[in-house]
């Protein structure tokens, strides 16, 4: 098997059949061996029945799932662990990243044989957004900028699902996140293990579909407030050493600057005690933060060792193991 495409879905009855038919038509144009794994993330409508009906006519489509909604990360992990392809592509089921996105990701894997992850990014030159609400675009751009600043500076799109993975890498990572933090977790742990990442530009478009006599527009299932909080907390705790050392240096710089000012005030016979006290406090704070950063750095080293132990102890499920 050359390619496995993994697509989660949740309550997509209105667009699922049309989306699946378009996706399968695109895959049938490929000359290599492929499979399409669609994962029902506990849908409460008729989505699962639609997917199973479509799969009856195409043996290369596998429908997995479970009874209760557990989050995108859990759905992706379910599909990824069941995949048999040398390359695993995860993407939205409606090809909202472009009709050729799977081909583009596979071509990138051939162009960069050393790459273990290729990420589709709208933030590169040539990429972008179409028919996506401005609020979502702004939050995506700003959020990924913050994530790169505080935690993950490997790629420009840390929060997107559309990626290609070498199966040996992605199935061996000790992944635990059930929500959309899964995307951040993959990048964090892959880079911790020295994986090589690449990006390609891509256009994200929210499509409308015809369902019966009506048009069904795409709507995000994510609640922005909790999503922003969860991604921010993940980013802050992913690499705290970065900003702890930065704050330490800033505090020491301010402290020594205030100390110089206090000395100047003392020499010129002006009141200097308050400035000197503040200077001492800032210097002490900077020293404390520096040693705190050292401890955090050691903790990160221990955490990486734990991940390595988990990675070595992982028992991979059989490729034909069904969803539960």
Protein backbone atom coordinates (compact mmCIF):
# COMPACT_ATOMS: atom_id res chain seq x y z
CA UNK A 1 0.00 0.00 0.00
CA UNK A 2 1.51 3.34 -1.10
CA UNK A 3 -1.02 5.83 0.29
CA UNK A 4 -3.54 5.96 3.10
CA UNK A 5 -5.86 8.96 3.30
CA UNK A 6 -7.45 9.50 6.73
CA UNK A 7 -10.48 11.78 7.07
CA UNK A 8 -12.51 12.19 10.27
CA UNK A 9 -16.11 13.37 10.21
CA UNK A 10 -18.78 14.36 12.72
CA UNK A 11 -22.42 15.04 11.86
CA UNK A 12 -21.75 15.73 8.18
CA UNK A 13 -24.81 13.96 6.77
CA UNK A 14 -25.71 16.93 4.60
CA UNK A 15 -22.44 17.00 2.64
CA UNK A 16 -20.84 13.63 3.25
CA UNK A 17 -21.93 11.68 0.17
CA UNK A 18 -21.04 14.47 -2.24
CA UNK A 19 -17.70 15.03 -0.49
CA UNK A 20 -16.84 11.34 -0.51
CA UNK A 21 -17.69 10.94 -4.18
CA UNK A 22 -15.45 13.89 -5.09
CA UNK A 23 -12.64 12.56 -2.93
CA UNK A 24 -12.87 9.04 -4.37
CA UNK A 25 -12.97 10.38 -7.92
CA UNK A 26 -9.72 12.20 -7.24
CA UNK A 27 -8.08 9.16 -5.70
CA UNK A 28 -9.14 6.89 -8.59
CA UNK A 29 -7.02 9.03 -10.90
CA UNK A 30 -3.90 7.91 -9.03
CA UNK A 31 -1.80 5.06 -10.41
CA UNK A 32 -0.51 3.88 -7.04
CA UNK A 33 -2.15 1.68 -4.42
CA UNK A 34 -4.36 3.66 -2.04
CA UNK A 35 -6.96 3.34 0.67
CA UNK A 36 -9.39 5.86 2.12
CA UNK A 37 -10.10 5.60 5.84
CA UNK A 38 -13.02 7.67 7.08
CA UNK A 39 -13.51 7.84 10.83
CA UNK A 40 -16.89 8.57 12.37
CA UNK A 41 -16.20 10.61 15.51
CA UNK A 42 -19.42 9.53 17.23
CA UNK A 43 -21.89 11.22 14.88
CA UNK A 44 -25.46 11.52 16.13
CA UNK A 45 -27.06 12.00 12.71
CA UNK A 46 -27.05 9.64 9.73
CA UNK A 47 -23.47 10.28 8.68
CA UNK A 48 -22.19 6.80 9.52
CA UNK A 49 -24.90 5.15 7.41
CA UNK A 50 -24.08 7.43 4.47
CA UNK A 51 -20.37 6.56 4.68
CA UNK A 52 -21.06 2.82 4.89
CA UNK A 53 -23.41 3.01 1.92
CA UNK A 54 -20.78 4.75 -0.19
CA UNK A 55 -18.11 2.26 0.93
CA UNK A 56 -20.19 -0.68 -0.34
CA UNK A 57 -19.31 0.28 -3.90
CA UNK A 58 -15.60 0.91 -3.26
CA UNK A 59 -13.56 -1.79 -1.44
CA UNK A 60 -10.68 0.63 -0.92
CA UNK A 61 -12.83 2.72 1.44
CA UNK A 62 -12.78 1.69 5.09
CA UNK A 63 -15.27 3.15 7.59
CA UNK A 64 -14.14 3.20 11.22
CA UNK A 65 -15.72 4.85 14.23
CA UNK A 66 -17.09 4.62 17.73
CA UNK A 67 -20.29 5.43 19.54
CA UNK A 68 -19.50 8.68 21.36
CA UNK A 69 -17.83 11.88 20.20
CA UNK A 70 -14.23 11.93 21.44
CA UNK A 71 -12.62 14.72 19.44
CA UNK A 72 -10.70 15.19 16.23
CA UNK A 73 -7.42 14.02 17.72
CA UNK A 74 -8.92 10.71 18.81
CA UNK A 75 -10.47 10.21 15.37
CA UNK A 76 -7.17 10.92 13.65
CA UNK A 77 -5.27 8.57 15.95
CA UNK A 78 -7.82 5.85 15.22
CA UNK A 79 -7.40 6.24 11.48
CA UNK A 80 -3.63 6.66 11.57
CA UNK A 81 -3.05 3.53 13.63
CA UNK A 82 -5.23 1.52 11.24
CA UNK A 83 -3.51 2.86 8.10
CA UNK A 84 -1.38 0.56 5.94
CA UNK A 85 0.11 3.03 3.46
CA UNK A 86 3.76 4.02 3.40
CA UNK A 87 2.53 7.63 3.40
CA UNK A 88 -0.47 8.71 5.45
CA UNK A 89 -2.29 11.89 4.42
CA UNK A 90 -4.75 13.43 6.86
CA UNK A 91 -7.12 16.05 5.50
CA UNK A 92 -10.66 17.40 5.59
CA UNK A 93 -13.13 15.07 3.94
CA UNK A 94 -14.45 17.79 1.60
CA UNK A 95 -11.05 18.56 0.03
CA UNK A 96 -11.33 22.12 1.29
CA UNK A 97 -7.56 22.43 0.86
CA UNK A 98 -7.93 22.03 -2.90
CA UNK A 99 -8.81 19.22 -5.28
CA UNK A 100 -5.12 18.42 -5.82
CA UNK A 101 -3.96 18.65 -2.21
CA UNK A 102 -3.34 14.89 -1.83
CA UNK A 103 -1.35 14.83 -5.06
CA UNK A 104 0.60 17.91 -3.97
CA UNK A 105 1.49 16.38 -0.60
CA UNK A 106 2.56 13.09 -2.20
CA UNK A 107 4.65 14.95 -4.76
CA UNK A 108 6.33 16.85 -1.93
CA UNK A 109 7.18 13.55 -0.24
CA UNK A 110 8.88 12.45 -3.46
CA UNK A 111 10.62 15.80 -3.95
CA UNK A 112 11.91 15.77 -0.37
CA UNK A 113 12.61 12.09 0.40
CA UNK A 114 14.21 13.11 3.69
CA UNK A 115 10.99 14.75 4.92
CA UNK A 116 8.97 12.79 7.45
CA UNK A 117 6.13 15.32 7.70
CA UNK A 118 4.88 17.71 5.02
CA UNK A 119 2.43 20.37 6.16
CA UNK A 120 -0.03 22.27 3.96
CA UNK A 121 0.10 25.93 4.93
CA UNK A 122 -2.01 28.90 3.84
CA UNK A 123 0.58 31.17 5.43
CA UNK A 124 3.29 30.58 2.83
CA UNK A 125 3.61 32.58 -0.36
CA UNK A 126 1.15 31.09 -2.83
CA UNK A 127 -1.20 29.92 -0.09
CA UNK A 128 -4.20 31.67 1.38
CA UNK A 129 -7.89 31.52 2.30
CA UNK A 130 -11.07 31.59 0.24
CA UNK A 131 -14.60 32.03 1.54
CA UNK A 132 -13.34 31.73 5.11
CA UNK A 133 -14.71 34.26 7.63
CA UNK A 134 -12.26 37.04 8.38
CA UNK A 135 -12.39 36.25 12.09
CA UNK A 136 -11.20 32.69 11.46
CA UNK A 137 -8.43 33.87 9.15
CA UNK A 138 -7.20 36.45 11.64
CA UNK A 139 -7.21 33.98 14.53
CA UNK A 140 -5.39 31.38 12.46
CA UNK A 141 -2.66 33.76 11.36
CA UNK A 142 -2.26 35.39 14.77
CA UNK A 143 -2.54 32.11 16.67
CA UNK A 144 0.10 30.38 14.59
CA UNK A 145 2.39 33.38 14.97
CA UNK A 146 2.03 33.17 18.77
CA UNK A 147 2.57 29.40 18.73
CA UNK A 148 5.78 29.79 16.75
CA UNK A 149 6.96 32.52 19.10
CA UNK A 150 6.32 30.66 22.34
CA UNK A 151 6.54 27.01 21.45
CA UNK A 152 6.91 25.60 17.96
CA UNK A 153 8.92 27.43 15.35
CA UNK A 154 9.23 24.54 12.92
CA UNK A 155 6.37 25.41 10.55
CA UNK A 156 4.01 28.28 9.81
CA UNK A 157 0.85 26.15 10.17
CA UNK A 158 0.85 24.22 13.44
CA UNK A 159 -2.93 23.98 13.84
CA UNK A 160 -3.98 22.47 10.51
CA UNK A 161 -5.00 18.86 9.91
CA UNK A 162 -3.88 18.61 6.28
CA UNK A 163 -0.49 16.92 6.33
CA UNK A 164 1.44 13.95 4.95
CA UNK A 165 3.35 11.62 7.28
CA UNK A 166 5.75 8.76 6.84
CA UNK A 167 3.93 5.87 8.45
CA UNK A 168 6.97 4.69 10.41
CA UNK A 169 7.18 8.08 12.14
CA UNK A 170 3.57 8.94 12.88
CA UNK A 171 2.58 5.47 14.10
CA UNK A 172 5.54 5.42 16.49
CA UNK A 173 4.89 8.76 18.20
CA UNK A 174 3.37 8.51 21.71
CA UNK A 175 0.31 10.67 20.99
CA UNK A 176 -2.44 11.19 23.58
CA UNK A 177 -4.37 14.37 22.72
CA UNK A 178 -8.02 13.82 21.77
CA UNK A 179 -8.89 17.36 20.73
CA UNK A 180 -7.46 19.72 18.13
CA UNK A 181 -4.35 20.10 20.29
CA UNK A 182 -3.40 16.84 18.58
CA UNK A 183 -1.95 18.88 15.69
CA UNK A 184 0.33 20.78 18.08
CA UNK A 185 1.29 17.60 19.90
CA UNK A 186 2.41 15.91 16.69
CA UNK A 187 4.70 18.81 15.74
CA UNK A 188 6.05 19.12 19.29
CA UNK A 189 6.93 15.45 19.69
CA UNK A 190 8.10 14.96 16.11
CA UNK A 191 10.58 17.83 16.43
CA UNK A 192 11.66 16.54 19.86
CA UNK A 193 12.65 13.28 18.15
CA UNK A 194 14.48 15.13 15.39
CA UNK A 195 11.94 14.53 12.62
CA UNK A 196 12.40 16.52 9.42
CA UNK A 197 9.50 18.76 8.45
CA UNK A 198 8.63 20.57 5.24
CA UNK A 199 5.76 22.83 4.14
CA UNK A 200 3.95 23.50 0.90
CA UNK A 201 1.63 26.44 0.15
CA UNK A 202 -2.06 25.61 -0.05
CA UNK A 203 -5.40 27.39 -0.40
CA UNK A 204 -8.03 26.71 2.26
CA UNK A 205 -11.58 27.17 0.93
CA UNK A 206 -14.85 26.69 2.80
CA UNK A 207 -17.12 25.09 0.22
CA UNK A 208 -20.89 25.01 -0.23
CA UNK A 209 -22.65 21.81 -1.24
CA UNK A 210 -25.99 21.06 -2.81
CA UNK A 211 -28.14 18.84 -0.59
CA UNK A 212 -31.51 18.20 -2.13
CA UNK A 213 -32.85 21.55 -3.26
CA UNK A 214 -30.79 23.60 -0.81
CA UNK A 215 -27.22 24.74 -0.51
CA UNK A 216 -25.37 23.59 2.59
CA UNK A 217 -22.54 25.85 3.67
CA UNK A 218 -19.60 24.75 5.74
CA UNK A 219 -19.70 25.72 9.38
CA UNK A 220 -16.96 25.26 11.91
CA UNK A 221 -17.73 22.84 14.71
CA UNK A 222 -15.17 24.51 16.96
CA UNK A 223 -16.06 26.92 19.71
CA UNK A 224 -13.50 29.68 19.37
CA UNK A 225 -13.21 30.61 23.04
CA UNK A 226 -12.25 27.19 24.43
CA UNK A 227 -10.12 26.50 21.35
CA UNK A 228 -8.07 29.67 21.81
CA UNK A 229 -7.58 28.95 25.51
CA UNK A 230 -6.55 25.32 24.97
CA UNK A 231 -4.11 26.14 22.16
CA UNK A 232 -2.62 29.03 24.15
CA UNK A 233 -2.08 26.89 27.24
CA UNK A 234 -0.53 24.11 25.16
CA UNK A 235 1.85 26.59 23.54
CA UNK A 236 2.85 28.21 26.81
CA UNK A 237 3.71 24.90 28.45
CA UNK A 238 5.28 23.27 25.40
CA UNK A 239 8.57 25.19 25.61
CA UNK A 240 8.49 27.39 28.73
CA UNK A 241 12.28 27.67 28.73
CA UNK A 242 12.10 30.12 25.85
CA UNK A 243 10.17 32.86 27.55
CA UNK A 244 11.44 32.13 31.09
CA UNK A 245 15.03 32.80 30.03
CA UNK A 246 13.90 35.81 28.00
CA UNK A 247 12.07 37.29 31.00
CA UNK A 248 15.09 36.52 33.18
CA UNK A 249 17.43 38.44 30.88
CA UNK A 250 14.95 41.32 30.70
CA UNK A 251 14.63 41.44 34.48
CA UNK A 252 18.41 41.41 34.96
CA UNK A 253 18.87 44.12 32.34
CA UNK A 254 16.27 46.35 34.02
CA UNK A 255 17.75 45.59 37.44
CA UNK A 256 21.31 46.53 36.50
CA UNK A 257 20.02 49.61 34.68
CA UNK A 258 18.16 50.71 37.82
CA UNK A 259 21.25 49.98 39.89
CA UNK A 260 23.32 52.27 37.67
CA UNK A 261 20.65 54.94 38.01
CA UNK A 262 20.65 54.54 41.81
CA UNK A 263 24.43 54.98 41.89
CA UNK A 264 24.11 58.11 39.77
CA UNK A 265 21.45 59.49 42.13
CA UNK A 266 23.64 58.69 45.15
CA UNK A 267 26.67 60.44 43.62
CA UNK A 268 24.58 63.52 42.81
CA UNK A 269 23.24 63.50 46.40
CA UNK A 270 19.65 62.78 45.43
CA UNK A 271 17.30 60.19 46.95
CA UNK A 272 18.46 56.81 45.66
CA UNK A 273 17.23 54.28 48.21
CA UNK A 274 13.94 53.45 46.50
CA UNK A 275 15.56 53.01 43.09
CA UNK A 276 18.30 50.87 44.64
CA UNK A 277 15.71 48.68 46.38
CA UNK A 278 13.79 48.20 43.15
CA UNK A 279 17.05 47.39 41.37
CA UNK A 280 17.91 44.69 43.91
CA UNK A 281 14.43 43.18 43.60
CA UNK A 282 14.65 43.06 39.81
CA UNK A 283 18.11 41.46 39.91
CA UNK A 284 16.93 38.86 42.45
CA UNK A 285 13.87 38.13 40.29
CA UNK A 286 16.09 37.70 37.24
CA UNK A 287 18.39 35.29 39.09
CA UNK A 288 15.43 33.26 40.35
CA UNK A 289 13.93 33.06 36.88
CA UNK A 290 17.29 31.98 35.45
CA UNK A 291 17.58 29.06 37.86
CA UNK A 292 13.90 28.25 37.28
CA UNK A 293 14.69 28.09 33.56
CA UNK A 294 17.55 25.68 34.24
CA UNK A 295 15.16 23.43 36.17
CA UNK A 296 12.61 23.60 33.35
CA UNK A 297 15.31 22.71 30.85
CA UNK A 298 16.19 19.62 32.89
CA UNK A 299 12.51 18.76 33.17
CA UNK A 300 12.15 18.94 29.39
CA UNK A 301 15.10 16.59 28.98
CA UNK A 302 13.44 14.13 31.36
CA UNK A 303 10.13 14.52 29.52
CA UNK A 304 11.81 13.70 26.21
CA UNK A 305 13.35 10.58 27.76
CA UNK A 306 9.88 9.53 28.92
CA UNK A 307 8.52 10.06 25.41
CA UNK A 308 11.33 7.90 24.06
CA UNK A 309 10.47 5.13 26.54
CA UNK A 310 6.79 5.39 25.58
CA UNK A 311 7.73 5.30 21.93
CA UNK A 312 9.81 2.17 22.41
CA UNK A 313 7.11 0.45 24.45
CA UNK A 314 4.24 1.22 22.09
CA UNK A 315 2.44 -1.82 20.76
CA UNK A 316 1.11 -1.08 17.29
CA UNK A 317 -2.35 -2.43 16.51
CA UNK A 318 -2.73 -4.76 13.54
CA UNK A 319 -3.28 -2.85 10.27
CA UNK A 320 -6.63 -4.56 9.85
CA UNK A 321 -7.82 -3.78 13.39
CA UNK A 322 -11.28 -2.15 13.13
CA UNK A 323 -12.46 0.87 15.09
CA UNK A 324 -14.32 0.24 18.32
